[in-house]
């Protein structure tokens, strides 16, 4: 759980910094205070696109409820992903759910650009 808490803090700090620069184009919140089962760890809204993010330790696995909820987001037209700390220093891995498509990113800008590219190519 400590690995996920560290990941959450690192991403939240990056999201806060980028959100200020995006002039309101990025909205985000995290399920850190309430821990309601079924809500993703972090939710982003970028250019009107709902993005559900589960944060996992490198060896963490999704629970059946998390898989169900991420699938429902995709069915409704949103994007779902699992984000983990990468083995590469200072980077993260975004795994698009439910596919095997994944990519590394170091900045929130890169994450959002990659998600935009995948959304438009789908």
PDB file of N, CA and C in Angstrom:
ATOM      1  N   UNK A   1       0.814  -1.200   0.000  1.00  0.00           N
ATOM      2  CA  UNK A   1       0.000   0.000   0.000  1.00  0.00           C
ATOM      3  C   UNK A   1       0.856   1.262   0.000  1.00  0.00           C
ATOM      4  N   UNK A   2       2.034   1.195   0.593  1.00  0.00           N
ATOM      5  CA  UNK A   2       2.916   2.368   0.614  1.00  0.00           C
ATOM      6  C   UNK A   2       3.351   2.747  -0.789  1.00  0.00           C
ATOM      7  N   UNK A   3       3.577   1.762  -1.652  1.00  0.00           N
ATOM      8  CA  UNK A   3       3.983   2.050  -3.029  1.00  0.00           C
ATOM      9  C   UNK A   3       2.880   2.810  -3.757  1.00  0.00           C
ATOM     10  N   UNK A   4       1.630   2.416  -3.538  1.00  0.00           N
ATOM     11  CA  UNK A   4       0.519   3.109  -4.182  1.00  0.00           C
ATOM     12  C   UNK A   4       0.337   4.513  -3.607  1.00  0.00           C
ATOM     13  N   UNK A   5       0.538   4.677  -2.321  1.00  0.00           N
ATOM     14  CA  UNK A   5       0.424   6.003  -1.698  1.00  0.00           C
ATOM     15  C   UNK A   5       1.504   6.937  -2.243  1.00  0.00           C
ATOM     16  N   UNK A   6       2.713   6.434  -2.403  1.00  0.00           N
ATOM     17  CA  UNK A   6       3.801   7.245  -2.969  1.00  0.00           C
ATOM     18  C   UNK A   6       3.504   7.613  -4.418  1.00  0.00           C
ATOM     19  N   UNK A   7       2.967   6.658  -5.171  1.00  0.00           N
ATOM     20  CA  UNK A   7       2.601   6.908  -6.559  1.00  0.00           C
ATOM     21  C   UNK A   7       1.507   7.962  -6.631  1.00  0.00           C
ATOM     22  N   UNK A   8       0.502   7.838  -5.773  1.00  0.00           N
ATOM     23  CA  UNK A   8      -0.604   8.804  -5.742  1.00  0.00           C
ATOM     24  C   UNK A   8      -0.090  10.214  -5.465  1.00  0.00           C
ATOM     25  N   UNK A   9       0.802  10.349  -4.494  1.00  0.00           N
ATOM     26  CA  UNK A   9       1.340  11.669  -4.166  1.00  0.00           C
ATOM     27  C   UNK A   9       2.145  12.249  -5.320  1.00  0.00           C
ATOM     28  N   UNK A  10       3.000  11.426  -5.941  1.00  0.00           N
ATOM     29  CA  UNK A  10       3.818  11.908  -7.057  1.00  0.00           C
ATOM     30  C   UNK A  10       2.937  12.370  -8.221  1.00  0.00           C
ATOM     31  N   UNK A  11       1.930  11.592  -8.546  1.00  0.00           N
ATOM     32  CA  UNK A  11       1.048  11.976  -9.647  1.00  0.00           C
ATOM     33  C   UNK A  11       0.192  13.185  -9.299  1.00  0.00           C
ATOM     34  N   UNK A  12      -0.303  13.244  -8.077  1.00  0.00           N
ATOM     35  CA  UNK A  12      -1.129  14.385  -7.669  1.00  0.00           C
ATOM     36  C   UNK A  12      -0.322  15.684  -7.754  1.00  0.00           C
ATOM     37  N   UNK A  13       0.924  15.650  -7.321  1.00  0.00           N
ATOM     38  CA  UNK A  13       1.770  16.845  -7.411  1.00  0.00           C
ATOM     39  C   UNK A  13       1.957  17.277  -8.860  1.00  0.00           C
ATOM     40  N   UNK A  14       2.193  16.314  -9.750  1.00  0.00           N
ATOM     41  CA  UNK A  14       2.357  16.636 -11.171  1.00  0.00           C
ATOM     42  C   UNK A  14       1.040  17.158 -11.766  1.00  0.00           C
ATOM     43  N   UNK A  15      -0.073  16.560 -11.381  1.00  0.00           N
ATOM     44  CA  UNK A  15      -1.370  17.002 -11.880  1.00  0.00           C
ATOM     45  C   UNK A  15      -1.689  18.419 -11.434  1.00  0.00           C
ATOM     46  N   UNK A  16      -1.407  18.736 -10.180  1.00  0.00           N
ATOM     47  CA  UNK A  16      -1.657  20.096  -9.675  1.00  0.00           C
ATOM     48  C   UNK A  16      -0.865  21.120 -10.478  1.00  0.00           C
ATOM     49  N   UNK A  17       0.404  20.847 -10.700  1.00  0.00           N
ATOM     50  CA  UNK A  17       1.253  21.783 -11.444  1.00  0.00           C
ATOM     51  C   UNK A  17       0.749  21.950 -12.876  1.00  0.00           C
ATOM     52  N   UNK A  18       0.416  20.850 -13.531  1.00  0.00           N
ATOM     53  CA  UNK A  18      -0.046  20.944 -14.912  1.00  0.00           C
ATOM     54  C   UNK A  18      -1.425  21.579 -14.997  1.00  0.00           C
ATOM     55  N   UNK A  19      -2.301  21.293 -14.056  1.00  0.00           N
ATOM     56  CA  UNK A  19      -3.647  21.847 -14.071  1.00  0.00           C
ATOM     57  C   UNK A  19      -3.611  23.375 -14.053  1.00  0.00           C
ATOM     58  N   UNK A  20      -2.700  23.939 -13.294  1.00  0.00           N
ATOM     59  CA  UNK A  20      -2.568  25.397 -13.258  1.00  0.00           C
ATOM     60  C   UNK A  20      -2.148  25.935 -14.616  1.00  0.00           C
ATOM     61  N   UNK A  21      -1.250  25.229 -15.300  1.00  0.00           N
ATOM     62  CA  UNK A  21      -0.778  25.666 -16.612  1.00  0.00           C
ATOM     63  C   UNK A  21      -1.828  25.463 -17.702  1.00  0.00           C
ATOM     64  N   UNK A  22      -2.730  24.498 -17.508  1.00  0.00           N
ATOM     65  CA  UNK A  22      -3.705  24.168 -18.549  1.00  0.00           C
ATOM     66  C   UNK A  22      -4.892  25.124 -18.578  1.00  0.00           C
ATOM     67  N   UNK A  23      -4.906  26.082 -17.668  1.00  0.00           N
ATOM     68  CA  UNK A  23      -5.953  27.101 -17.615  1.00  0.00           C
ATOM     69  C   UNK A  23      -7.361  26.486 -17.607  1.00  0.00           C
ATOM     70  N   UNK A  24      -7.541  25.475 -16.759  1.00  0.00           N
ATOM     71  CA  UNK A  24      -8.856  24.888 -16.593  1.00  0.00           C
ATOM     72  C   UNK A  24      -9.210  23.783 -17.560  1.00  0.00           C
ATOM     73  N   UNK A  25      -8.313  23.445 -18.496  1.00  0.00           N
ATOM     74  CA  UNK A  25      -8.620  22.373 -19.444  1.00  0.00           C
ATOM     75  C   UNK A  25      -8.555  20.996 -18.787  1.00  0.00           C
ATOM     76  N   UNK A  26      -7.822  20.882 -17.694  1.00  0.00           N
ATOM     77  CA  UNK A  26      -7.708  19.616 -16.983  1.00  0.00           C
ATOM     78  C   UNK A  26      -8.362  19.744 -15.618  1.00  0.00           C
ATOM     79  N   UNK A  27      -9.275  18.845 -15.341  1.00  0.00           N
ATOM     80  CA  UNK A  27      -9.873  18.726 -14.010  1.00  0.00           C
ATOM     81  C   UNK A  27      -9.483  17.358 -13.480  1.00  0.00           C
ATOM     82  N   UNK A  28      -9.209  17.264 -12.207  1.00  0.00           N
ATOM     83  CA  UNK A  28      -8.885  15.965 -11.636  1.00  0.00           C
ATOM     84  C   UNK A  28      -9.268  15.919 -10.171  1.00  0.00           C
ATOM     85  N   UNK A  29      -9.488  14.723  -9.695  1.00  0.00           N
ATOM     86  CA  UNK A  29      -9.699  14.490  -8.269  1.00  0.00           C
ATOM     87  C   UNK A  29      -9.293  13.068  -7.955  1.00  0.00           C
ATOM     88  N   UNK A  30      -9.056  12.841  -6.692  1.00  0.00           N
ATOM     89  CA  UNK A  30      -8.641  11.495  -6.286  1.00  0.00           C
ATOM     90  C   UNK A  30      -9.554  10.979  -5.186  1.00  0.00           C
ATOM     91  N   UNK A  31      -9.636   9.683  -5.116  1.00  0.00           N
ATOM     92  CA  UNK A  31     -10.474   8.985  -4.143  1.00  0.00           C
ATOM     93  C   UNK A  31      -9.608   8.641  -2.924  1.00  0.00           C
ATOM     94  N   UNK A  32      -8.926   9.637  -2.363  1.00  0.00           N
ATOM     95  CA  UNK A  32      -8.010   9.354  -1.260  1.00  0.00           C
ATOM     96  C   UNK A  32      -8.654   9.520   0.107  1.00  0.00           C
ATOM     97  N   UNK A  33      -9.613  10.398   0.215  1.00  0.00           N
ATOM     98  CA  UNK A  33     -10.226  10.645   1.511  1.00  0.00           C
ATOM     99  C   UNK A  33     -11.399   9.716   1.780  1.00  0.00           C
ATOM    100  N   UNK A  34     -12.138   9.378   0.736  1.00  0.00           N
ATOM    101  CA  UNK A  34     -13.353   8.600   0.934  1.00  0.00           C
ATOM    102  C   UNK A  34     -13.146   7.102   0.751  1.00  0.00           C
ATOM    103  N   UNK A  35     -12.274   6.718  -0.158  1.00  0.00           N
ATOM    104  CA  UNK A  35     -12.027   5.307  -0.473  1.00  0.00           C
ATOM    105  C   UNK A  35     -13.329   4.546  -0.673  1.00  0.00           C
ATOM    106  N   UNK A  36     -14.143   5.029  -1.580  1.00  0.00           N
ATOM    107  CA  UNK A  36     -15.401   4.368  -1.893  1.00  0.00           C
ATOM    108  C   UNK A  36     -15.122   3.243  -2.879  1.00  0.00           C
ATOM    109  N   UNK A  37     -15.511   2.041  -2.522  1.00  0.00           N
ATOM    110  CA  UNK A  37     -15.317   0.910  -3.418  1.00  0.00           C
ATOM    111  C   UNK A  37     -16.001   1.187  -4.743  1.00  0.00           C
ATOM    112  N   UNK A  38     -15.287   0.942  -5.809  1.00  0.00           N
ATOM    113  CA  UNK A  38     -15.848   1.143  -7.133  1.00  0.00           C
ATOM    114  C   UNK A  38     -15.421   2.431  -7.789  1.00  0.00           C
ATOM    115  N   UNK A  39     -14.968   3.404  -7.019  1.00  0.00           N
ATOM    116  CA  UNK A  39     -14.459   4.623  -7.629  1.00  0.00           C
ATOM    117  C   UNK A  39     -12.981   4.435  -7.943  1.00  0.00           C
ATOM    118  N   UNK A  40     -12.539   4.925  -9.098  1.00  0.00           N
ATOM    119  CA  UNK A  40     -11.112   4.799  -9.413  1.00  0.00           C
ATOM    120  C   UNK A  40     -10.280   5.655  -8.462  1.00  0.00           C
ATOM    121  N   UNK A  41      -8.997   5.318  -8.352  1.00  0.00           N
ATOM    122  CA  UNK A  41      -8.102   6.079  -7.472  1.00  0.00           C
ATOM    123  C   UNK A  41      -8.009   7.536  -7.894  1.00  0.00           C
ATOM    124  N   UNK A  42      -7.955   7.772  -9.199  1.00  0.00           N
ATOM    125  CA  UNK A  42      -7.899   9.142  -9.721  1.00  0.00           C
ATOM    126  C   UNK A  42      -8.802   9.240 -10.937  1.00  0.00           C
ATOM    127  N   UNK A  43      -9.434  10.387 -11.062  1.00  0.00           N
ATOM    128  CA  UNK A  43     -10.286  10.661 -12.204  1.00  0.00           C
ATOM    129  C   UNK A  43      -9.810  11.958 -12.846  1.00  0.00           C
ATOM    130  N   UNK A  44      -9.674  11.925 -14.172  1.00  0.00           N
ATOM    131  CA  UNK A  44      -9.270  13.099 -14.929  1.00  0.00           C
ATOM    132  C   UNK A  44     -10.360  13.438 -15.926  1.00  0.00           C
ATOM    133  N   UNK A  45     -10.542  14.704 -16.182  1.00  0.00           N
ATOM    134  CA  UNK A  45     -11.369  15.138 -17.301  1.00  0.00           C
ATOM    135  C   UNK A  45     -10.502  16.081 -18.116  1.00  0.00           C
ATOM    136  N   UNK A  46     -10.232  15.657 -19.337  1.00  0.00           N
ATOM    137  CA  UNK A  46      -9.321  16.384 -20.231  1.00  0.00           C
ATOM    138  C   UNK A  46     -10.029  16.579 -21.559  1.00  0.00           C
ATOM    139  N   UNK A  47     -10.278  17.837 -21.921  1.00  0.00           N
ATOM    140  CA  UNK A  47     -10.993  18.168 -23.156  1.00  0.00           C
ATOM    141  C   UNK A  47     -12.301  17.388 -23.252  1.00  0.00           C
ATOM    142  N   UNK A  48     -13.006  17.269 -22.133  1.00  0.00           N
ATOM    143  CA  UNK A  48     -14.297  16.603 -22.114  1.00  0.00           C
ATOM    144  C   UNK A  48     -14.243  15.088 -22.057  1.00  0.00           C
ATOM    145  N   UNK A  49     -13.057  14.513 -22.006  1.00  0.00           N
ATOM    146  CA  UNK A  49     -12.902  13.057 -21.945  1.00  0.00           C
ATOM    147  C   UNK A  49     -12.737  12.611 -20.502  1.00  0.00           C
ATOM    148  N   UNK A  50     -13.566  11.677 -20.064  1.00  0.00           N
ATOM    149  CA  UNK A  50     -13.476  11.103 -18.719  1.00  0.00           C
ATOM    150  C   UNK A  50     -12.419  10.009 -18.739  1.00  0.00           C
ATOM    151  N   UNK A  51     -11.463  10.083 -17.819  1.00  0.00           N
ATOM    152  CA  UNK A  51     -10.374   9.112 -17.746  1.00  0.00           C
ATOM    153  C   UNK A  51     -10.303   8.575 -16.320  1.00  0.00           C
ATOM    154  N   UNK A  52     -10.545   7.277 -16.169  1.00  0.00           N
ATOM    155  CA  UNK A  52     -10.482   6.613 -14.868  1.00  0.00           C
ATOM    156  C   UNK A  52      -9.109   5.966 -14.724  1.00  0.00           C
ATOM    157  N   UNK A  53      -8.415   6.251 -13.611  1.00  0.00           N
ATOM    158  CA  UNK A  53      -7.070   5.724 -13.395  1.00  0.00           C
ATOM    159  C   UNK A  53      -7.010   4.940 -12.087  1.00  0.00           C
ATOM    160  N   UNK A  54      -6.600   3.713 -12.185  1.00  0.00           N
ATOM    161  CA  UNK A  54      -6.290   2.916 -10.994  1.00  0.00           C
ATOM    162  C   UNK A  54      -4.780   2.975 -10.816  1.00  0.00           C
ATOM    163  N   UNK A  55      -4.328   3.211  -9.618  1.00  0.00           N
ATOM    164  CA  UNK A  55      -2.903   3.269  -9.317  1.00  0.00           C
ATOM    165  C   UNK A  55      -2.502   1.969  -8.653  1.00  0.00           C
ATOM    166  N   UNK A  56      -1.461   1.358  -9.173  1.00  0.00           N
ATOM    167  CA  UNK A  56      -1.035   0.058  -8.659  1.00  0.00           C
ATOM    168  C   UNK A  56       0.475   0.015  -8.470  1.00  0.00           C
ATOM    169  N   UNK A  57       0.886  -0.738  -7.468  1.00  0.00           N
ATOM    170  CA  UNK A  57       2.305  -1.051  -7.278  1.00  0.00           C
ATOM    171  C   UNK A  57       2.757  -1.871  -8.493  1.00  0.00           C
ATOM    172  N   UNK A  58       4.053  -1.946  -8.751  1.00  0.00           N
ATOM    173  CA  UNK A  58       4.521  -2.692  -9.927  1.00  0.00           C
ATOM    174  C   UNK A  58       3.967  -4.111 -10.038  1.00  0.00           C
ATOM    175  N   UNK A  59       3.750  -4.761  -8.908  1.00  0.00           N
ATOM    176  CA  UNK A  59       3.238  -6.132  -8.942  1.00  0.00           C
ATOM    177  C   UNK A  59       1.762  -6.214  -8.534  1.00  0.00           C
ATOM    178  N   UNK A  60       1.095  -5.072  -8.406  1.00  0.00           N
ATOM    179  CA  UNK A  60      -0.300  -5.049  -7.982  1.00  0.00           C
ATOM    180  C   UNK A  60      -1.239  -5.529  -9.081  1.00  0.00           C
ATOM    181  N   UNK A  61      -2.337  -6.141  -8.676  1.00  0.00           N
ATOM    182  CA  UNK A  61      -3.334  -6.633  -9.631  1.00  0.00           C
ATOM    183  C   UNK A  61      -4.688  -5.981  -9.335  1.00  0.00           C
ATOM    184  N   UNK A  62      -5.483  -5.855 -10.369  1.00  0.00           N
ATOM    185  CA  UNK A  62      -6.814  -5.291 -10.224  1.00  0.00           C
ATOM    186  C   UNK A  62      -7.748  -6.305  -9.565  1.00  0.00           C
ATOM    187  N   UNK A  63      -8.605  -5.824  -8.698  1.00  0.00           N
ATOM    188  CA  UNK A  63      -9.625  -6.682  -8.095  1.00  0.00           C
ATOM    189  C   UNK A  63     -10.751  -6.875  -9.115  1.00  0.00           C
ATOM    190  N   UNK A  64     -11.596  -7.877  -8.914  1.00  0.00           N
ATOM    191  CA  UNK A  64     -12.746  -8.052  -9.813  1.00  0.00           C
ATOM    192  C   UNK A  64     -13.633  -6.800  -9.876  1.00  0.00           C
ATOM    193  N   UNK A  65     -13.847  -6.126  -8.750  1.00  0.00           N
ATOM    194  CA  UNK A  65     -14.656  -4.903  -8.743  1.00  0.00           C
ATOM    195  C   UNK A  65     -13.981  -3.797  -9.557  1.00  0.00           C
ATOM    196  N   UNK A  66     -12.662  -3.650  -9.427  1.00  0.00           N
ATOM    197  CA  UNK A  66     -11.954  -2.635 -10.206  1.00  0.00           C
ATOM    198  C   UNK A  66     -12.053  -2.924 -11.700  1.00  0.00           C
ATOM    199  N   UNK A  67     -11.927  -4.181 -12.089  1.00  0.00           N
ATOM    200  CA  UNK A  67     -12.059  -4.552 -13.504  1.00  0.00           C
ATOM    201  C   UNK A  67     -13.459  -4.216 -14.016  1.00  0.00           C
ATOM    202  N   UNK A  68     -14.465  -4.531 -13.221  1.00  0.00           N
ATOM    203  CA  UNK A  68     -15.848  -4.239 -13.603  1.00  0.00           C
ATOM    204  C   UNK A  68     -16.052  -2.746 -13.790  1.00  0.00           C
ATOM    205  N   UNK A  69     -15.573  -1.964 -12.839  1.00  0.00           N
ATOM    206  CA  UNK A  69     -15.783  -0.515 -12.900  1.00  0.00           C
ATOM    207  C   UNK A  69     -15.012   0.129 -14.044  1.00  0.00           C
ATOM    208  N   UNK A  70     -13.781  -0.317 -14.292  1.00  0.00           N
ATOM    209  CA  UNK A  70     -13.013   0.218 -15.420  1.00  0.00           C
ATOM    210  C   UNK A  70     -13.689  -0.149 -16.739  1.00  0.00           C
ATOM    211  N   UNK A  71     -14.240  -1.350 -16.830  1.00  0.00           N
ATOM    212  CA  UNK A  71     -14.959  -1.777 -18.033  1.00  0.00           C
ATOM    213  C   UNK A  71     -16.193  -0.909 -18.268  1.00  0.00           C
ATOM    214  N   UNK A  72     -16.895  -0.564 -17.192  1.00  0.00           N
ATOM    215  CA  UNK A  72     -18.085   0.281 -17.324  1.00  0.00           C
ATOM    216  C   UNK A  72     -17.730   1.670 -17.846  1.00  0.00           C
ATOM    217  N   UNK A  73     -16.594   2.199 -17.435  1.00  0.00           N
ATOM    218  CA  UNK A  73     -16.148   3.503 -17.933  1.00  0.00           C
ATOM    219  C   UNK A  73     -15.918   3.422 -19.442  1.00  0.00           C
ATOM    220  N   UNK A  74     -15.255   2.358 -19.895  1.00  0.00           N
ATOM    221  CA  UNK A  74     -14.982   2.185 -21.326  1.00  0.00           C
ATOM    222  C   UNK A  74     -16.293   2.036 -22.100  1.00  0.00           C
ATOM    223  N   UNK A  75     -17.221   1.243 -21.571  1.00  0.00           N
ATOM    224  CA  UNK A  75     -18.517   1.047 -22.223  1.00  0.00           C
ATOM    225  C   UNK A  75     -19.264   2.370 -22.368  1.00  0.00           C
ATOM    226  N   UNK A  76     -19.106   3.257 -21.400  1.00  0.00           N
ATOM    227  CA  UNK A  76     -19.776   4.555 -21.427  1.00  0.00           C
ATOM    228  C   UNK A  76     -19.043   5.587 -22.297  1.00  0.00           C
ATOM    229  N   UNK A  77     -17.901   5.200 -22.892  1.00  0.00           N
ATOM    230  CA  UNK A  77     -17.191   6.105 -23.788  1.00  0.00           C
ATOM    231  C   UNK A  77     -15.969   6.770 -23.186  1.00  0.00           C
ATOM    232  N   UNK A  78     -15.644   6.452 -21.941  1.00  0.00           N
ATOM    233  CA  UNK A  78     -14.454   7.023 -21.315  1.00  0.00           C
ATOM    234  C   UNK A  78     -13.232   6.155 -21.550  1.00  0.00           C
ATOM    235  N   UNK A  79     -12.139   6.581 -20.993  1.00  0.00           N
ATOM    236  CA  UNK A  79     -10.892   5.819 -21.036  1.00  0.00           C
ATOM    237  C   UNK A  79     -10.594   5.287 -19.647  1.00  0.00           C
ATOM    238  N   UNK A  80     -10.030   4.089 -19.587  1.00  0.00           N
ATOM    239  CA  UNK A  80      -9.611   3.508 -18.319  1.00  0.00           C
ATOM    240  C   UNK A  80      -8.161   3.085 -18.429  1.00  0.00           C
ATOM    241  N   UNK A  81      -7.419   3.284 -17.339  1.00  0.00           N
ATOM    242  CA  UNK A  81      -6.021   2.878 -17.361  1.00  0.00           C
ATOM    243  C   UNK A  81      -5.545   2.510 -15.955  1.00  0.00           C
ATOM    244  N   UNK A  82      -4.460   1.767 -15.955  1.00  0.00           N
ATOM    245  CA  UNK A  82      -3.762   1.420 -14.720  1.00  0.00           C
ATOM    246  C   UNK A  82      -2.410   2.115 -14.809  1.00  0.00           C
ATOM    247  N   UNK A  83      -2.053   2.847 -13.777  1.00  0.00           N
ATOM    248  CA  UNK A  83      -0.777   3.561 -13.765  1.00  0.00           C
ATOM    249  C   UNK A  83       0.107   2.966 -12.678  1.00  0.00           C
ATOM    250  N   UNK A  84       1.339   2.707 -13.065  1.00  0.00           N
ATOM    251  CA  UNK A  84       2.332   2.136 -12.158  1.00  0.00           C
ATOM    252  C   UNK A  84       3.627   2.940 -12.271  1.00  0.00           C
ATOM    253  N   UNK A  85       4.460   2.826 -11.276  1.00  0.00           N
ATOM    254  CA  UNK A  85       5.810   3.388 -11.331  1.00  0.00           C
ATOM    255  C   UNK A  85       6.610   2.528 -12.300  1.00  0.00           C
ATOM    256  N   UNK A  86       7.370   3.165 -13.158  1.00  0.00           N
ATOM    257  CA  UNK A  86       8.185   2.453 -14.131  1.00  0.00           C
ATOM    258  C   UNK A  86       9.525   2.046 -13.521  1.00  0.00           C
ATOM    259  N   UNK A  87      10.156   1.080 -14.141  1.00  0.00           N
ATOM    260  CA  UNK A  87      11.514   0.711 -13.733  1.00  0.00           C
ATOM    261  C   UNK A  87      12.499   1.805 -14.141  1.00  0.00           C
ATOM    262  N   UNK A  88      12.106   2.616 -15.140  1.00  0.00           N
ATOM    263  CA  UNK A  88      12.936   3.748 -15.570  1.00  0.00           C
ATOM    264  C   UNK A  88      12.797   4.882 -14.567  1.00  0.00           C
ATOM    265  N   UNK A  89      13.892   5.425 -14.144  1.00  0.00           N
ATOM    266  CA  UNK A  89      13.894   6.481 -13.126  1.00  0.00           C
ATOM    267  C   UNK A  89      13.046   7.682 -13.551  1.00  0.00           C
ATOM    268  N   UNK A  90      12.150   8.077 -12.652  1.00  0.00           N
ATOM    269  CA  UNK A  90      11.333   9.269 -12.873  1.00  0.00           C
ATOM    270  C   UNK A  90      10.183   9.080 -13.850  1.00  0.00           C
ATOM    271  N   UNK A  91       9.902   7.853 -14.247  1.00  0.00           N
ATOM    272  CA  UNK A  91       8.842   7.617 -15.215  1.00  0.00           C
ATOM    273  C   UNK A  91       7.748   6.728 -14.628  1.00  0.00           C
ATOM    274  N   UNK A  92       6.625   6.732 -15.325  1.00  0.00           N
ATOM    275  CA  UNK A  92       5.461   5.933 -14.978  1.00  0.00           C
ATOM    276  C   UNK A  92       5.059   5.126 -16.201  1.00  0.00           C
ATOM    277  N   UNK A  93       4.266   4.096 -15.970  1.00  0.00           N
ATOM    278  CA  UNK A  93       3.706   3.294 -17.062  1.00  0.00           C
ATOM    279  C   UNK A  93       2.199   3.430 -17.010  1.00  0.00           C
ATOM    280  N   UNK A  94       1.601   3.707 -18.157  1.00  0.00           N
ATOM    281  CA  UNK A  94       0.143   3.756 -18.289  1.00  0.00           C
ATOM    282  C   UNK A  94      -0.275   2.547 -19.115  1.00  0.00           C
ATOM    283  N   UNK A  95      -1.096   1.677 -18.514  1.00  0.00           N
ATOM    284  CA  UNK A  95      -1.626   0.498 -19.204  1.00  0.00           C
ATOM    285  C   UNK A  95      -3.091   0.778 -19.502  1.00  0.00           C
ATOM    286  N   UNK A  96      -3.438   0.855 -20.781  1.00  0.00           N
ATOM    287  CA  UNK A  96      -4.825   1.114 -21.147  1.00  0.00           C
ATOM    288  C   UNK A  96      -5.657  -0.134 -20.898  1.00  0.00           C
ATOM    289  N   UNK A  97      -6.744   0.029 -20.184  1.00  0.00           N
ATOM    290  CA  UNK A  97      -7.609  -1.100 -19.840  1.00  0.00           C
ATOM    291  C   UNK A  97      -8.787  -1.117 -20.795  1.00  0.00           C
ATOM    292  N   UNK A  98      -9.153  -2.232 -21.345  1.00  0.00           N
ATOM    293  CA  UNK A  98      -8.738  -3.602 -21.073  1.00  0.00           C
ATOM    294  C   UNK A  98      -7.738  -4.151 -22.091  1.00  0.00           C
ATOM    295  N   UNK A  99      -7.013  -3.298 -22.785  1.00  0.00           N
ATOM    296  CA  UNK A  99      -6.099  -3.758 -23.828  1.00  0.00           C
ATOM    297  C   UNK A  99      -4.715  -4.061 -23.251  1.00  0.00           C
ATOM    298  N   UNK A 100      -3.834  -4.508 -24.108  1.00  0.00           N
ATOM    299  CA  UNK A 100      -2.434  -4.717 -23.733  1.00  0.00           C
ATOM    300  C   UNK A 100      -1.587  -3.500 -24.099  1.00  0.00           C
ATOM    301  N   UNK A 101      -2.211  -2.438 -24.574  1.00  0.00           N
ATOM    302  CA  UNK A 101      -1.503  -1.226 -24.980  1.00  0.00           C
ATOM    303  C   UNK A 101      -0.993  -0.489 -23.743  1.00  0.00           C
ATOM    304  N   UNK A 102       0.280  -0.140 -23.753  1.00  0.00           N
ATOM    305  CA  UNK A 102       0.856   0.615 -22.639  1.00  0.00           C
ATOM    306  C   UNK A 102       1.951   1.527 -23.155  1.00  0.00           C
ATOM    307  N   UNK A 103       2.288   2.514 -22.345  1.00  0.00           N
ATOM    308  CA  UNK A 103       3.363   3.441 -22.705  1.00  0.00           C
ATOM    309  C   UNK A 103       3.940   4.047 -21.437  1.00  0.00           C
ATOM    310  N   UNK A 104       5.178   4.500 -21.550  1.00  0.00           N
ATOM    311  CA  UNK A 104       5.834   5.199 -20.442  1.00  0.00           C
ATOM    312  C   UNK A 104       5.625   6.700 -20.603  1.00  0.00           C
ATOM    313  N   UNK A 105       5.580   7.386 -19.477  1.00  0.00           N
ATOM    314  CA  UNK A 105       5.510   8.849 -19.506  1.00  0.00           C
ATOM    315  C   UNK A 105       6.223   9.402 -18.285  1.00  0.00           C
ATOM    316  N   UNK A 106       6.728  10.615 -18.435  1.00  0.00           N
ATOM    317  CA  UNK A 106       7.409  11.280 -17.327  1.00  0.00           C
ATOM    318  C   UNK A 106       6.644  12.517 -16.866  1.00  0.00           C
ATOM    319  N   UNK A 107       5.847  13.089 -17.764  1.00  0.00           N
ATOM    320  CA  UNK A 107       5.103  14.306 -17.431  1.00  0.00           C
ATOM    321  C   UNK A 107       3.618  14.095 -17.694  1.00  0.00           C
ATOM    322  N   UNK A 108       2.798  14.877 -17.046  1.00  0.00           N
ATOM    323  CA  UNK A 108       1.359  14.811 -17.269  1.00  0.00           C
ATOM    324  C   UNK A 108       1.037  15.204 -18.701  1.00  0.00           C
ATOM    325  N   UNK A 109       1.766  16.165 -19.232  1.00  0.00           N
ATOM    326  CA  UNK A 109       1.557  16.572 -20.627  1.00  0.00           C
ATOM    327  C   UNK A 109       1.745  15.385 -21.571  1.00  0.00           C
ATOM    328  N   UNK A 110       2.786  14.599 -21.350  1.00  0.00           N
ATOM    329  CA  UNK A 110       3.032  13.421 -22.182  1.00  0.00           C
ATOM    330  C   UNK A 110       1.920  12.393 -22.010  1.00  0.00           C
ATOM    331  N   UNK A 111       1.492  12.169 -20.779  1.00  0.00           N
ATOM    332  CA  UNK A 111       0.386  11.244 -20.526  1.00  0.00           C
ATOM    333  C   UNK A 111      -0.845  11.658 -21.321  1.00  0.00           C
ATOM    334  N   UNK A 112      -1.227  12.928 -21.238  1.00  0.00           N
ATOM    335  CA  UNK A 112      -2.430  13.413 -21.908  1.00  0.00           C
ATOM    336  C   UNK A 112      -2.284  13.369 -23.424  1.00  0.00           C
ATOM    337  N   UNK A 113      -1.105  13.683 -23.949  1.00  0.00           N
ATOM    338  CA  UNK A 113      -0.867  13.609 -25.392  1.00  0.00           C
ATOM    339  C   UNK A 113      -1.023  12.174 -25.887  1.00  0.00           C
ATOM    340  N   UNK A 114      -0.465  11.229 -25.149  1.00  0.00           N
ATOM    341  CA  UNK A 114      -0.561   9.817 -25.543  1.00  0.00           C
ATOM    342  C   UNK A 114      -2.005   9.330 -25.469  1.00  0.00           C
ATOM    343  N   UNK A 115      -2.728   9.732 -24.439  1.00  0.00           N
ATOM    344  CA  UNK A 115      -4.134   9.336 -24.330  1.00  0.00           C
ATOM    345  C   UNK A 115      -4.963   9.942 -25.458  1.00  0.00           C
ATOM    346  N   UNK A 116      -4.693  11.206 -25.806  1.00  0.00           N
ATOM    347  CA  UNK A 116      -5.372  11.842 -26.939  1.00  0.00           C
ATOM    348  C   UNK A 116      -5.106  11.075 -28.230  1.00  0.00           C
ATOM    349  N   UNK A 117      -3.847  10.710 -28.456  1.00  0.00           N
ATOM    350  CA  UNK A 117      -3.468   9.987 -29.687  1.00  0.00           C
ATOM    351  C   UNK A 117      -4.190   8.656 -29.779  1.00  0.00           C
ATOM    352  N   UNK A 118      -4.276   7.951 -28.681  1.00  0.00           N
ATOM    353  CA  UNK A 118      -4.931   6.647 -28.689  1.00  0.00           C
ATOM    354  C   UNK A 118      -6.439   6.780 -28.840  1.00  0.00           C
ATOM    355  N   UNK A 119      -7.000   7.845 -28.280  1.00  0.00           N
ATOM    356  CA  UNK A 119      -8.444   8.062 -28.394  1.00  0.00           C
ATOM    357  C   UNK A 119      -8.816   8.370 -29.842  1.00  0.00           C
ATOM    358  N   UNK A 120      -8.029   9.192 -30.515  1.00  0.00           N
ATOM    359  CA  UNK A 120      -8.360   9.575 -31.888  1.00  0.00           C
ATOM    360  C   UNK A 120      -8.083   8.459 -32.888  1.00  0.00           C
ATOM    361  N   UNK A 121      -7.196   7.519 -32.527  1.00  0.00           N
ATOM    362  CA  UNK A 121      -6.908   6.420 -33.446  1.00  0.00           C
ATOM    363  C   UNK A 121      -7.857   5.244 -33.230  1.00  0.00           C
ATOM    364  N   UNK A 122      -8.674   5.303 -32.184  1.00  0.00           N
ATOM    365  CA  UNK A 122      -9.586   4.180 -31.900  1.00  0.00           C
ATOM    366  C   UNK A 122     -10.799   4.189 -32.810  1.00  0.00           C
TER     367      UNK A 122
END
